[in-house]
Amino acid sequence: MALFKKRTVGKPGEWYYCLEHKKVEEGPDCPAKNRFGPYGSREEASRAMETARERNLEWETDPKWHDAPKTDQHPD
């Protein structure tokens, strides 16, 4: 008996953005490794890539997420 059951049917109202097919799907039709979500609406899922770009930019420019620059240390 399998320890974990594969969930093939999504719940109504769960929206995902499939990275492989580049489309919005209701319920998880594709494997988790190929999708973003769940989102509360089709609209939110359709903006998944834009949301990811915005969040990446925020993280890249947030000084709390960057360590101090390392000094170049050469062995003598």
PDB file of N, CA and C in Angstrom:
ATOM      1  N   MET A   1       0.841  -1.174   0.000  1.00  0.00           N
ATOM      2  CA  MET A   1       0.000   0.000   0.000  1.00  0.00           C
ATOM      3  C   MET A   1       0.886   1.237   0.000  1.00  0.00           C
ATOM      4  N   ALA A   2       0.546   2.187  -0.809  1.00  0.00           N
ATOM      5  CA  ALA A   2       1.323   3.419  -0.915  1.00  0.00           C
ATOM      6  C   ALA A   2       1.156   4.262   0.336  1.00  0.00           C
ATOM      7  N   LEU A   3       2.251   4.849   0.745  1.00  0.00           N
ATOM      8  CA  LEU A   3       2.223   5.699   1.923  1.00  0.00           C
ATOM      9  C   LEU A   3       1.507   7.011   1.637  1.00  0.00           C
ATOM     10  N   PHE A   4       1.727   7.542   0.453  1.00  0.00           N
ATOM     11  CA  PHE A   4       1.081   8.788   0.044  1.00  0.00           C
ATOM     12  C   PHE A   4       0.293   8.526  -1.220  1.00  0.00           C
ATOM     13  N   LYS A   5      -0.922   9.006  -1.250  1.00  0.00           N
ATOM     14  CA  LYS A   5      -1.741   8.859  -2.447  1.00  0.00           C
ATOM     15  C   LYS A   5      -1.482  10.025  -3.376  1.00  0.00           C
ATOM     16  N   LYS A   6      -1.377   9.734  -4.649  1.00  0.00           N
ATOM     17  CA  LYS A   6      -1.197  10.788  -5.647  1.00  0.00           C
ATOM     18  C   LYS A   6      -2.532  11.492  -5.843  1.00  0.00           C
ATOM     19  N   ARG A   7      -2.507  12.793  -5.660  1.00  0.00           N
ATOM     20  CA  ARG A   7      -3.731  13.576  -5.819  1.00  0.00           C
ATOM     21  C   ARG A   7      -3.845  14.005  -7.274  1.00  0.00           C
ATOM     22  N   THR A   8      -4.787  13.412  -7.964  1.00  0.00           N
ATOM     23  CA  THR A   8      -4.920  13.710  -9.389  1.00  0.00           C
ATOM     24  C   THR A   8      -6.053  14.680  -9.680  1.00  0.00           C
ATOM     25  N   VAL A   9      -7.009  14.802  -8.759  1.00  0.00           N
ATOM     26  CA  VAL A   9      -8.143  15.682  -8.979  1.00  0.00           C
ATOM     27  C   VAL A   9      -8.035  16.848  -8.012  1.00  0.00           C
ATOM     28  N   GLY A  10      -8.103  18.042  -8.541  1.00  0.00           N
ATOM     29  CA  GLY A  10      -8.008  19.226  -7.700  1.00  0.00           C
ATOM     30  C   GLY A  10      -9.338  19.597  -7.089  1.00  0.00           C
ATOM     31  N   LYS A  11      -9.257  20.495  -6.139  1.00  0.00           N
ATOM     32  CA  LYS A  11     -10.469  21.011  -5.527  1.00  0.00           C
ATOM     33  C   LYS A  11     -11.005  22.146  -6.383  1.00  0.00           C
ATOM     34  N   PRO A  12     -12.302  22.242  -6.549  1.00  0.00           N
ATOM     35  CA  PRO A  12     -12.853  23.382  -7.274  1.00  0.00           C
ATOM     36  C   PRO A  12     -12.422  24.671  -6.586  1.00  0.00           C
ATOM     37  N   GLY A  13     -12.020  25.634  -7.367  1.00  0.00           N
ATOM     38  CA  GLY A  13     -11.590  26.909  -6.819  1.00  0.00           C
ATOM     39  C   GLY A  13     -10.106  27.007  -6.557  1.00  0.00           C
ATOM     40  N   GLU A  14      -9.358  25.916  -6.728  1.00  0.00           N
ATOM     41  CA  GLU A  14      -7.902  25.963  -6.630  1.00  0.00           C
ATOM     42  C   GLU A  14      -7.348  26.173  -8.028  1.00  0.00           C
ATOM     43  N   TRP A  15      -6.603  27.226  -8.194  1.00  0.00           N
ATOM     44  CA  TRP A  15      -6.050  27.552  -9.504  1.00  0.00           C
ATOM     45  C   TRP A  15      -4.537  27.486  -9.458  1.00  0.00           C
ATOM     46  N   TYR A  16      -3.950  26.978 -10.525  1.00  0.00           N
ATOM     47  CA  TYR A  16      -2.508  26.814 -10.632  1.00  0.00           C
ATOM     48  C   TYR A  16      -2.039  27.371 -11.974  1.00  0.00           C
ATOM     49  N   TYR A  17      -0.760  27.725 -12.026  1.00  0.00           N
ATOM     50  CA  TYR A  17      -0.156  28.098 -13.298  1.00  0.00           C
ATOM     51  C   TYR A  17       0.852  27.016 -13.625  1.00  0.00           C
ATOM     52  N   CYS A  18       0.663  26.332 -14.739  1.00  0.00           N
ATOM     53  CA  CYS A  18       1.552  25.253 -15.174  1.00  0.00           C
ATOM     54  C   CYS A  18       2.737  25.860 -15.913  1.00  0.00           C
ATOM     55  N   LEU A  19       3.932  25.618 -15.386  1.00  0.00           N
ATOM     56  CA  LEU A  19       5.151  26.152 -15.991  1.00  0.00           C
ATOM     57  C   LEU A  19       5.510  25.422 -17.280  1.00  0.00           C
ATOM     58  N   GLU A  20       5.141  24.165 -17.378  1.00  0.00           N
ATOM     59  CA  GLU A  20       5.454  23.380 -18.578  1.00  0.00           C
ATOM     60  C   GLU A  20       4.553  23.769 -19.751  1.00  0.00           C
ATOM     61  N   HIS A  21       3.250  23.869 -19.504  1.00  0.00           N
ATOM     62  CA  HIS A  21       2.286  24.166 -20.565  1.00  0.00           C
ATOM     63  C   HIS A  21       1.994  25.653 -20.708  1.00  0.00           C
ATOM     64  N   LYS A  22       2.494  26.456 -19.732  1.00  0.00           N
ATOM     65  CA  LYS A  22       2.299  27.913 -19.739  1.00  0.00           C
ATOM     66  C   LYS A  22       0.822  28.284 -19.827  1.00  0.00           C
ATOM     67  N   LYS A  23       0.041  27.658 -18.918  1.00  0.00           N
ATOM     68  CA  LYS A  23      -1.391  27.947 -18.905  1.00  0.00           C
ATOM     69  C   LYS A  23      -1.943  27.786 -17.490  1.00  0.00           C
ATOM     70  N   VAL A  24      -3.088  28.389 -17.263  1.00  0.00           N
ATOM     71  CA  VAL A  24      -3.800  28.312 -15.990  1.00  0.00           C
ATOM     72  C   VAL A  24      -4.628  27.032 -15.978  1.00  0.00           C
ATOM     73  N   GLU A  25      -4.597  26.345 -14.827  1.00  0.00           N
ATOM     74  CA  GLU A  25      -5.363  25.104 -14.688  1.00  0.00           C
ATOM     75  C   GLU A  25      -6.150  25.142 -13.389  1.00  0.00           C
ATOM     76  N   GLU A  26      -7.366  24.655 -13.410  1.00  0.00           N
ATOM     77  CA  GLU A  26      -8.126  24.523 -12.176  1.00  0.00           C
ATOM     78  C   GLU A  26      -7.827  23.154 -11.600  1.00  0.00           C
ATOM     79  N   GLY A  27      -7.341  23.137 -10.391  1.00  0.00           N
ATOM     80  CA  GLY A  27      -6.911  21.882  -9.779  1.00  0.00           C
ATOM     81  C   GLY A  27      -5.535  21.502 -10.295  1.00  0.00           C
ATOM     82  N   PRO A  28      -4.823  20.673  -9.551  1.00  0.00           N
ATOM     83  CA  PRO A  28      -3.469  20.322  -9.979  1.00  0.00           C
ATOM     84  C   PRO A  28      -3.459  19.230 -11.044  1.00  0.00           C
ATOM     85  N   ASP A  29      -3.509  19.631 -12.295  1.00  0.00           N
ATOM     86  CA  ASP A  29      -3.459  18.664 -13.392  1.00  0.00           C
ATOM     87  C   ASP A  29      -2.034  18.166 -13.628  1.00  0.00           C
ATOM     88  N   CYS A  30      -1.050  19.041 -13.397  1.00  0.00           N
ATOM     89  CA  CYS A  30       0.346  18.701 -13.659  1.00  0.00           C
ATOM     90  C   CYS A  30       1.080  18.486 -12.336  1.00  0.00           C
ATOM     91  N   PRO A  31       2.237  17.818 -12.374  1.00  0.00           N
ATOM     92  CA  PRO A  31       3.001  17.575 -11.149  1.00  0.00           C
ATOM     93  C   PRO A  31       3.400  18.874 -10.453  1.00  0.00           C
ATOM     94  N   ALA A  32       3.558  18.811  -9.143  1.00  0.00           N
ATOM     95  CA  ALA A  32       3.893  19.992  -8.332  1.00  0.00           C
ATOM     96  C   ALA A  32       5.163  20.674  -8.812  1.00  0.00           C
ATOM     97  N   LYS A  33       6.135  19.911  -9.299  1.00  0.00           N
ATOM     98  CA  LYS A  33       7.397  20.507  -9.755  1.00  0.00           C
ATOM     99  C   LYS A  33       7.204  21.417 -10.966  1.00  0.00           C
ATOM    100  N   ASN A  34       6.063  21.318 -11.631  1.00  0.00           N
ATOM    101  CA  ASN A  34       5.811  22.097 -12.850  1.00  0.00           C
ATOM    102  C   ASN A  34       4.764  23.183 -12.675  1.00  0.00           C
ATOM    103  N   ARG A  35       4.454  23.548 -11.416  1.00  0.00           N
ATOM    104  CA  ARG A  35       3.370  24.518 -11.262  1.00  0.00           C
ATOM    105  C   ARG A  35       3.603  25.477 -10.104  1.00  0.00           C
ATOM    106  N   PHE A  36       2.971  26.631 -10.196  1.00  0.00           N
ATOM    107  CA  PHE A  36       2.879  27.601  -9.114  1.00  0.00           C
ATOM    108  C   PHE A  36       1.447  27.556  -8.612  1.00  0.00           C
ATOM    109  N   GLY A  37       1.269  27.700  -7.323  1.00  0.00           N
ATOM    110  CA  GLY A  37      -0.072  27.771  -6.781  1.00  0.00           C
ATOM    111  C   GLY A  37      -0.185  26.965  -5.518  1.00  0.00           C
ATOM    112  N   PRO A  38      -1.342  26.881  -4.944  1.00  0.00           N
ATOM    113  CA  PRO A  38      -2.621  27.290  -5.502  1.00  0.00           C
ATOM    114  C   PRO A  38      -2.883  28.781  -5.316  1.00  0.00           C
ATOM    115  N   TYR A  39      -3.698  29.305  -6.195  1.00  0.00           N
ATOM    116  CA  TYR A  39      -4.170  30.679  -6.143  1.00  0.00           C
ATOM    117  C   TYR A  39      -5.671  30.653  -5.911  1.00  0.00           C
ATOM    118  N   GLY A  40      -6.187  31.744  -5.391  1.00  0.00           N
ATOM    119  CA  GLY A  40      -7.604  31.821  -5.061  1.00  0.00           C
ATOM    120  C   GLY A  40      -8.510  32.080  -6.240  1.00  0.00           C
ATOM    121  N   SER A  41      -7.924  32.513  -7.367  1.00  0.00           N
ATOM    122  CA  SER A  41      -8.747  32.807  -8.539  1.00  0.00           C
ATOM    123  C   SER A  41      -7.951  32.558  -9.814  1.00  0.00           C
ATOM    124  N   ARG A  42      -8.686  32.441 -10.903  1.00  0.00           N
ATOM    125  CA  ARG A  42      -8.060  32.278 -12.216  1.00  0.00           C
ATOM    126  C   ARG A  42      -7.188  33.497 -12.532  1.00  0.00           C
ATOM    127  N   GLU A  43      -7.688  34.677 -12.180  1.00  0.00           N
ATOM    128  CA  GLU A  43      -6.960  35.927 -12.422  1.00  0.00           C
ATOM    129  C   GLU A  43      -5.597  35.918 -11.733  1.00  0.00           C
ATOM    130  N   GLU A  44      -5.575  35.523 -10.449  1.00  0.00           N
ATOM    131  CA  GLU A  44      -4.312  35.464  -9.716  1.00  0.00           C
ATOM    132  C   GLU A  44      -3.351  34.483 -10.377  1.00  0.00           C
ATOM    133  N   ALA A  45      -3.855  33.319 -10.760  1.00  0.00           N
ATOM    134  CA  ALA A  45      -3.009  32.310 -11.399  1.00  0.00           C
ATOM    135  C   ALA A  45      -2.477  32.804 -12.734  1.00  0.00           C
ATOM    136  N   SER A  46      -3.264  33.571 -13.463  1.00  0.00           N
ATOM    137  CA  SER A  46      -2.819  34.063 -14.766  1.00  0.00           C
ATOM    138  C   SER A  46      -1.680  35.079 -14.619  1.00  0.00           C
ATOM    139  N   ARG A  47      -1.543  35.670 -13.427  1.00  0.00           N
ATOM    140  CA  ARG A  47      -0.477  36.638 -13.170  1.00  0.00           C
ATOM    141  C   ARG A  47       0.716  35.988 -12.463  1.00  0.00           C
ATOM    142  N   ALA A  48       0.770  34.669 -12.400  1.00  0.00           N
ATOM    143  CA  ALA A  48       1.796  33.964 -11.626  1.00  0.00           C
ATOM    144  C   ALA A  48       3.214  34.366 -12.016  1.00  0.00           C
ATOM    145  N   MET A  49       3.507  34.434 -13.288  1.00  0.00           N
ATOM    146  CA  MET A  49       4.871  34.767 -13.720  1.00  0.00           C
ATOM    147  C   MET A  49       5.206  36.218 -13.392  1.00  0.00           C
ATOM    148  N   GLU A  50       4.249  37.103 -13.557  1.00  0.00           N
ATOM    149  CA  GLU A  50       4.454  38.517 -13.216  1.00  0.00           C
ATOM    150  C   GLU A  50       4.677  38.666 -11.710  1.00  0.00           C
ATOM    151  N   THR A  51       3.883  37.970 -10.920  1.00  0.00           N
ATOM    152  CA  THR A  51       4.035  38.003  -9.467  1.00  0.00           C
ATOM    153  C   THR A  51       5.410  37.473  -9.063  1.00  0.00           C
ATOM    154  N   ALA A  52       5.856  36.394  -9.684  1.00  0.00           N
ATOM    155  CA  ALA A  52       7.174  35.832  -9.382  1.00  0.00           C
ATOM    156  C   ALA A  52       8.282  36.833  -9.725  1.00  0.00           C
ATOM    157  N   ARG A  53       8.173  37.510 -10.872  1.00  0.00           N
ATOM    158  CA  ARG A  53       9.180  38.517 -11.251  1.00  0.00           C
ATOM    159  C   ARG A  53       9.213  39.658 -10.237  1.00  0.00           C
ATOM    160  N   GLU A  54       8.034  40.117  -9.820  1.00  0.00           N
ATOM    161  CA  GLU A  54       7.956  41.207  -8.839  1.00  0.00           C
ATOM    162  C   GLU A  54       8.582  40.787  -7.515  1.00  0.00           C
ATOM    163  N   ARG A  55       8.280  39.586  -7.051  1.00  0.00           N
ATOM    164  CA  ARG A  55       8.844  39.104  -5.781  1.00  0.00           C
ATOM    165  C   ARG A  55      10.349  38.915  -5.885  1.00  0.00           C
ATOM    166  N   ASN A  56      10.818  38.388  -7.001  1.00  0.00           N
ATOM    167  CA  ASN A  56      12.261  38.216  -7.183  1.00  0.00           C
ATOM    168  C   ASN A  56      12.978  39.562  -7.134  1.00  0.00           C
ATOM    169  N   LEU A  57      12.409  40.556  -7.778  1.00  0.00           N
ATOM    170  CA  LEU A  57      13.008  41.887  -7.768  1.00  0.00           C
ATOM    171  C   LEU A  57      13.033  42.454  -6.348  1.00  0.00           C
ATOM    172  N   GLU A  58      11.948  42.275  -5.605  1.00  0.00           N
ATOM    173  CA  GLU A  58      11.910  42.737  -4.217  1.00  0.00           C
ATOM    174  C   GLU A  58      13.003  42.060  -3.395  1.00  0.00           C
ATOM    175  N   TRP A  59      13.160  40.744  -3.556  1.00  0.00           N
ATOM    176  CA  TRP A  59      14.162  40.012  -2.775  1.00  0.00           C
ATOM    177  C   TRP A  59      15.573  40.413  -3.193  1.00  0.00           C
ATOM    178  N   GLU A  60      15.787  40.606  -4.481  1.00  0.00           N
ATOM    179  CA  GLU A  60      17.118  40.974  -4.965  1.00  0.00           C
ATOM    180  C   GLU A  60      17.553  42.353  -4.480  1.00  0.00           C
ATOM    181  N   THR A  61      16.598  43.233  -4.255  1.00  0.00           N
ATOM    182  CA  THR A  61      16.934  44.593  -3.838  1.00  0.00           C
ATOM    183  C   THR A  61      16.733  44.818  -2.342  1.00  0.00           C
ATOM    184  N   ASP A  62      16.359  43.794  -1.595  1.00  0.00           N
ATOM    185  CA  ASP A  62      16.152  43.921  -0.149  1.00  0.00           C
ATOM    186  C   ASP A  62      17.480  43.689   0.565  1.00  0.00           C
ATOM    187  N   PRO A  63      18.003  44.704   1.251  1.00  0.00           N
ATOM    188  CA  PRO A  63      19.309  44.546   1.902  1.00  0.00           C
ATOM    189  C   PRO A  63      19.305  43.488   3.013  1.00  0.00           C
ATOM    190  N   LYS A  64      18.157  43.162   3.564  1.00  0.00           N
ATOM    191  CA  LYS A  64      18.094  42.131   4.609  1.00  0.00           C
ATOM    192  C   LYS A  64      18.405  40.739   4.054  1.00  0.00           C
ATOM    193  N   TRP A  65      18.285  40.539   2.751  1.00  0.00           N
ATOM    194  CA  TRP A  65      18.499  39.225   2.154  1.00  0.00           C
ATOM    195  C   TRP A  65      19.904  39.038   1.613  1.00  0.00           C
ATOM    196  N   HIS A  66      20.749  40.040   1.760  1.00  0.00           N
ATOM    197  CA  HIS A  66      22.101  39.941   1.219  1.00  0.00           C
ATOM    198  C   HIS A  66      23.119  39.994   2.340  1.00  0.00           C
ATOM    199  N   ASP A  67      24.076  39.097   2.297  1.00  0.00           N
ATOM    200  CA  ASP A  67      25.171  39.128   3.250  1.00  0.00           C
ATOM    201  C   ASP A  67      26.125  40.245   2.858  1.00  0.00           C
ATOM    202  N   ALA A  68      26.939  40.621   3.797  1.00  0.00           N
ATOM    203  CA  ALA A  68      27.968  41.615   3.491  1.00  0.00           C
ATOM    204  C   ALA A  68      28.908  41.029   2.448  1.00  0.00           C
ATOM    205  N   PRO A  69      29.402  41.857   1.547  1.00  0.00           N
ATOM    206  CA  PRO A  69      30.310  41.337   0.518  1.00  0.00           C
ATOM    207  C   PRO A  69      31.548  40.722   1.155  1.00  0.00           C
ATOM    208  N   LYS A  70      31.955  39.603   0.616  1.00  0.00           N
ATOM    209  CA  LYS A  70      33.144  38.921   1.128  1.00  0.00           C
ATOM    210  C   LYS A  70      34.380  39.587   0.537  1.00  0.00           C
ATOM    211  N   THR A  71      35.393  39.694   1.363  1.00  0.00           N
ATOM    212  CA  THR A  71      36.644  40.240   0.864  1.00  0.00           C
ATOM    213  C   THR A  71      37.372  39.154   0.108  1.00  0.00           C
ATOM    214  N   ASP A  72      38.103  39.552  -0.890  1.00  0.00           N
ATOM    215  CA  ASP A  72      38.849  38.599  -1.705  1.00  0.00           C
ATOM    216  C   ASP A  72      40.063  38.127  -0.918  1.00  0.00           C
ATOM    217  N   GLN A  73      40.051  36.877  -0.507  1.00  0.00           N
ATOM    218  CA  GLN A  73      41.148  36.336   0.293  1.00  0.00           C
ATOM    219  C   GLN A  73      41.930  35.352  -0.532  1.00  0.00           C
ATOM    220  N   HIS A  74      43.205  35.640  -0.693  1.00  0.00           N
ATOM    221  CA  HIS A  74      44.088  34.749  -1.453  1.00  0.00           C
ATOM    222  C   HIS A  74      45.029  34.057  -0.474  1.00  0.00           C
ATOM    223  N   PRO A  75      45.257  32.767  -0.648  1.00  0.00           N
ATOM    224  CA  PRO A  75      46.229  32.084   0.224  1.00  0.00           C
ATOM    225  C   PRO A  75      47.630  32.591  -0.074  1.00  0.00           C
ATOM    226  N   ASP A  76      48.410  32.777   0.958  1.00  0.00           N
ATOM    227  CA  ASP A  76      49.793  33.264   0.767  1.00  0.00           C
ATOM    228  C   ASP A  76      50.760  32.151   0.536  1.00  0.00           C
TER     229      ASP A  76
END
